[in-house]
């Protein structure tokens, strides 16, 4: 869907991706880098025009472990994240 954005940590197993429903969209999902924070994800999802502005708006926090889901912005964008479980 146009208003949905998927982010997956590159070290996620096939089993975990299938369990959380990311397997079908794995090729269109962005891969999370270890140095990213939530501001990077919100910028790539198009919620903010830059990482700096996303940070200033309170998204300067680490990406949570496991599965996360957010509905953000005026357009109610859905952001799905599958990060390491460590």
N, C-alpha and C. Protein backbone atom coordinates (compact mmCIF):
# COMPACT_ATOMS: atom_id res chain seq x y z
N UNK A 1 0.84 -1.18 0.00
CA UNK A 1 0.00 0.00 0.00
C UNK A 1 0.88 1.24 0.00
N UNK A 2 0.41 2.31 -0.63
CA UNK A 2 1.21 3.52 -0.79
C UNK A 2 1.53 4.20 0.53
N UNK A 3 0.67 4.10 1.49
CA UNK A 3 0.84 4.79 2.76
C UNK A 3 1.50 3.94 3.83
N UNK A 4 2.05 2.79 3.46
CA UNK A 4 2.70 1.90 4.41
C UNK A 4 4.19 1.79 4.08
N UNK A 5 5.01 1.79 5.13
CA UNK A 5 6.46 1.72 4.97
C UNK A 5 7.01 0.65 5.89
N UNK A 6 7.83 -0.25 5.34
CA UNK A 6 8.41 -1.36 6.10
C UNK A 6 9.91 -1.18 6.25
N UNK A 7 10.39 -1.44 7.46
CA UNK A 7 11.81 -1.37 7.77
C UNK A 7 12.20 -2.68 8.47
N UNK A 8 13.26 -3.30 7.98
CA UNK A 8 13.70 -4.60 8.51
C UNK A 8 15.19 -4.54 8.80
N UNK A 9 15.60 -5.07 9.93
CA UNK A 9 17.03 -5.20 10.22
C UNK A 9 17.59 -6.29 9.29
N UNK A 10 18.74 -6.06 8.65
CA UNK A 10 19.26 -7.02 7.68
C UNK A 10 19.61 -8.39 8.26
N UNK A 11 19.75 -8.51 9.57
CA UNK A 11 20.12 -9.79 10.18
C UNK A 11 18.89 -10.61 10.62
N UNK A 12 17.69 -10.14 10.27
CA UNK A 12 16.49 -10.88 10.66
C UNK A 12 16.41 -12.19 9.89
N UNK A 13 15.97 -13.23 10.56
CA UNK A 13 15.86 -14.55 9.92
C UNK A 13 14.60 -14.61 9.05
N UNK A 14 14.62 -15.54 8.12
CA UNK A 14 13.46 -15.76 7.25
C UNK A 14 12.23 -16.13 8.08
N UNK A 15 12.46 -16.95 9.11
CA UNK A 15 11.37 -17.38 9.99
C UNK A 15 10.71 -16.19 10.67
N UNK A 16 11.52 -15.27 11.20
CA UNK A 16 10.97 -14.09 11.88
C UNK A 16 10.23 -13.19 10.90
N UNK A 17 10.79 -13.02 9.70
CA UNK A 17 10.11 -12.18 8.71
C UNK A 17 8.76 -12.77 8.31
N UNK A 18 8.70 -14.09 8.18
CA UNK A 18 7.42 -14.73 7.86
C UNK A 18 6.44 -14.62 9.01
N UNK A 19 6.93 -14.77 10.25
CA UNK A 19 6.05 -14.71 11.44
C UNK A 19 5.37 -13.34 11.58
N UNK A 20 6.08 -12.28 11.22
CA UNK A 20 5.54 -10.93 11.38
C UNK A 20 4.96 -10.36 10.09
N UNK A 21 4.90 -11.16 9.03
CA UNK A 21 4.28 -10.74 7.79
C UNK A 21 5.13 -9.86 6.90
N UNK A 22 6.44 -9.89 7.08
CA UNK A 22 7.33 -9.07 6.28
C UNK A 22 7.89 -9.81 5.07
N UNK A 23 7.65 -11.11 4.98
CA UNK A 23 8.30 -11.92 3.94
C UNK A 23 7.88 -11.50 2.53
N UNK A 24 6.60 -11.21 2.33
CA UNK A 24 6.12 -10.85 1.01
C UNK A 24 6.68 -9.51 0.53
N UNK A 25 6.93 -8.60 1.46
CA UNK A 25 7.39 -7.26 1.11
C UNK A 25 8.88 -7.04 1.40
N UNK A 26 9.61 -8.12 1.60
CA UNK A 26 11.01 -7.97 2.02
C UNK A 26 11.86 -7.24 0.99
N UNK A 27 11.52 -7.33 -0.29
CA UNK A 27 12.33 -6.67 -1.33
C UNK A 27 12.05 -5.17 -1.41
N UNK A 28 10.87 -4.75 -0.98
CA UNK A 28 10.54 -3.33 -1.03
C UNK A 28 10.80 -2.62 0.30
N UNK A 29 11.21 -3.35 1.32
CA UNK A 29 11.46 -2.77 2.64
C UNK A 29 12.86 -2.17 2.70
N UNK A 30 12.99 -1.14 3.53
CA UNK A 30 14.29 -0.56 3.78
C UNK A 30 14.99 -1.37 4.85
N UNK A 31 16.31 -1.47 4.74
CA UNK A 31 17.10 -2.17 5.74
C UNK A 31 17.62 -1.16 6.76
N UNK A 32 17.37 -1.45 8.01
CA UNK A 32 17.80 -0.60 9.12
C UNK A 32 19.31 -0.73 9.29
N UNK A 33 19.98 0.39 9.47
CA UNK A 33 21.41 0.37 9.78
C UNK A 33 21.58 0.53 11.29
N UNK A 34 22.65 -0.03 11.81
CA UNK A 34 22.87 -0.03 13.25
C UNK A 34 23.02 1.36 13.85
N UNK A 35 23.45 2.34 13.07
CA UNK A 35 23.68 3.69 13.58
C UNK A 35 22.44 4.58 13.51
N UNK A 36 21.35 4.05 12.97
CA UNK A 36 20.13 4.84 12.83
C UNK A 36 19.40 5.01 14.14
N UNK A 37 18.62 6.08 14.20
CA UNK A 37 17.64 6.27 15.27
C UNK A 37 16.26 6.42 14.60
N UNK A 38 15.24 6.62 15.38
CA UNK A 38 13.88 6.72 14.83
C UNK A 38 13.75 7.89 13.85
N UNK A 39 14.56 8.93 14.02
CA UNK A 39 14.51 10.08 13.11
C UNK A 39 14.84 9.67 11.68
N UNK A 40 15.77 8.76 11.49
CA UNK A 40 16.11 8.28 10.15
C UNK A 40 14.92 7.57 9.50
N UNK A 41 14.22 6.78 10.29
CA UNK A 41 13.06 6.04 9.77
C UNK A 41 11.94 7.00 9.41
N UNK A 42 11.66 7.97 10.26
CA UNK A 42 10.59 8.92 9.97
C UNK A 42 10.90 9.78 8.76
N UNK A 43 12.16 10.09 8.55
CA UNK A 43 12.56 10.84 7.35
C UNK A 43 12.36 9.98 6.09
N UNK A 44 12.82 8.74 6.10
CA UNK A 44 12.66 7.87 4.94
C UNK A 44 11.20 7.55 4.64
N UNK A 45 10.36 7.53 5.65
CA UNK A 45 8.94 7.29 5.46
C UNK A 45 8.22 8.53 4.92
N UNK A 46 8.93 9.64 4.87
CA UNK A 46 8.35 10.86 4.32
C UNK A 46 7.55 11.68 5.31
N UNK A 47 7.68 11.38 6.59
CA UNK A 47 6.97 12.14 7.61
C UNK A 47 7.61 13.50 7.80
N UNK A 48 8.94 13.56 7.72
CA UNK A 48 9.70 14.80 7.87
C UNK A 48 10.65 14.97 6.68
N UNK A 49 10.93 16.21 6.28
CA UNK A 49 11.80 16.43 5.12
C UNK A 49 13.28 16.14 5.38
N UNK A 50 13.67 16.05 6.65
CA UNK A 50 15.08 15.74 6.95
C UNK A 50 15.18 15.03 8.29
N UNK A 51 16.32 14.38 8.49
CA UNK A 51 16.57 13.70 9.77
C UNK A 51 16.66 14.73 10.89
N UNK A 52 17.28 15.87 10.62
CA UNK A 52 17.41 16.92 11.63
C UNK A 52 16.08 17.43 12.13
N UNK A 53 15.14 17.63 11.22
CA UNK A 53 13.82 18.11 11.62
C UNK A 53 13.08 17.02 12.40
N UNK A 54 13.25 15.77 12.00
CA UNK A 54 12.64 14.66 12.75
C UNK A 54 13.20 14.61 14.17
N UNK A 55 14.50 14.83 14.31
CA UNK A 55 15.12 14.85 15.65
C UNK A 55 14.53 15.98 16.50
N UNK A 56 14.39 17.16 15.89
CA UNK A 56 13.86 18.31 16.63
C UNK A 56 12.40 18.10 17.04
N UNK A 57 11.69 17.22 16.34
CA UNK A 57 10.30 16.93 16.66
C UNK A 57 10.13 15.73 17.59
N UNK A 58 11.21 15.33 18.25
CA UNK A 58 11.11 14.31 19.29
C UNK A 58 11.39 12.88 18.86
N UNK A 59 11.85 12.66 17.64
CA UNK A 59 12.13 11.30 17.18
C UNK A 59 13.61 10.94 17.33
N UNK A 60 14.34 11.68 18.12
CA UNK A 60 15.76 11.38 18.37
C UNK A 60 15.87 10.34 19.49
N UNK A 61 15.36 9.16 19.22
CA UNK A 61 15.40 8.07 20.20
C UNK A 61 15.76 6.79 19.48
N UNK A 62 16.27 5.82 20.21
CA UNK A 62 16.68 4.56 19.56
C UNK A 62 15.50 3.79 19.01
N UNK A 63 15.78 2.94 18.04
CA UNK A 63 14.77 2.06 17.47
C UNK A 63 14.56 0.91 18.43
N UNK A 64 13.34 0.67 18.82
CA UNK A 64 13.04 -0.39 19.78
C UNK A 64 13.36 -1.76 19.20
N UNK A 65 13.72 -2.69 20.07
CA UNK A 65 13.95 -4.07 19.64
C UNK A 65 12.62 -4.73 19.32
N UNK A 66 12.65 -5.70 18.41
CA UNK A 66 11.45 -6.44 18.06
C UNK A 66 10.59 -5.71 17.05
N UNK A 67 9.29 -5.92 17.14
CA UNK A 67 8.33 -5.35 16.19
C UNK A 67 7.74 -4.06 16.74
N UNK A 68 7.65 -3.04 15.89
CA UNK A 68 7.02 -1.78 16.26
C UNK A 68 6.12 -1.32 15.12
N UNK A 69 5.07 -0.61 15.48
CA UNK A 69 4.14 -0.07 14.49
C UNK A 69 3.76 1.34 14.91
N UNK A 70 3.78 2.28 13.95
CA UNK A 70 3.43 3.67 14.22
C UNK A 70 2.50 4.17 13.14
N UNK A 71 1.56 5.01 13.52
CA UNK A 71 0.74 5.76 12.57
C UNK A 71 1.08 7.22 12.81
N UNK A 72 1.68 7.87 11.80
CA UNK A 72 2.24 9.21 12.02
C UNK A 72 1.88 10.15 10.87
N UNK A 73 1.92 11.43 11.18
CA UNK A 73 1.75 12.47 10.17
C UNK A 73 0.31 12.76 9.82
N UNK A 74 0.15 13.82 9.03
CA UNK A 74 -1.18 14.24 8.59
C UNK A 74 -1.82 13.19 7.70
N UNK A 75 -1.00 12.50 6.92
CA UNK A 75 -1.51 11.49 6.01
C UNK A 75 -1.72 10.13 6.66
N UNK A 76 -1.53 10.06 7.99
CA UNK A 76 -1.69 8.80 8.73
C UNK A 76 -0.87 7.67 8.12
N UNK A 77 0.42 7.94 7.91
CA UNK A 77 1.32 6.93 7.35
C UNK A 77 1.55 5.82 8.36
N UNK A 78 1.54 4.61 7.88
CA UNK A 78 1.79 3.44 8.72
C UNK A 78 3.25 3.04 8.56
N UNK A 79 3.96 2.97 9.66
CA UNK A 79 5.38 2.60 9.66
C UNK A 79 5.51 1.32 10.47
N UNK A 80 6.03 0.26 9.82
CA UNK A 80 6.23 -1.02 10.47
C UNK A 80 7.72 -1.29 10.53
N UNK A 81 8.20 -1.69 11.72
CA UNK A 81 9.63 -1.92 11.94
C UNK A 81 9.82 -3.30 12.54
N UNK A 82 10.73 -4.07 11.96
CA UNK A 82 11.14 -5.35 12.53
C UNK A 82 12.63 -5.27 12.77
N UNK A 83 13.00 -5.06 14.03
CA UNK A 83 14.39 -4.89 14.43
C UNK A 83 14.86 -6.15 15.18
N UNK A 84 16.15 -6.24 15.44
CA UNK A 84 16.69 -7.36 16.22
C UNK A 84 15.96 -7.50 17.54
N UNK A 85 15.92 -8.71 18.05
CA UNK A 85 15.25 -8.97 19.33
C UNK A 85 16.20 -8.89 20.51
N UNK A 86 17.45 -8.57 20.29
CA UNK A 86 18.46 -8.57 21.34
C UNK A 86 18.17 -7.55 22.35
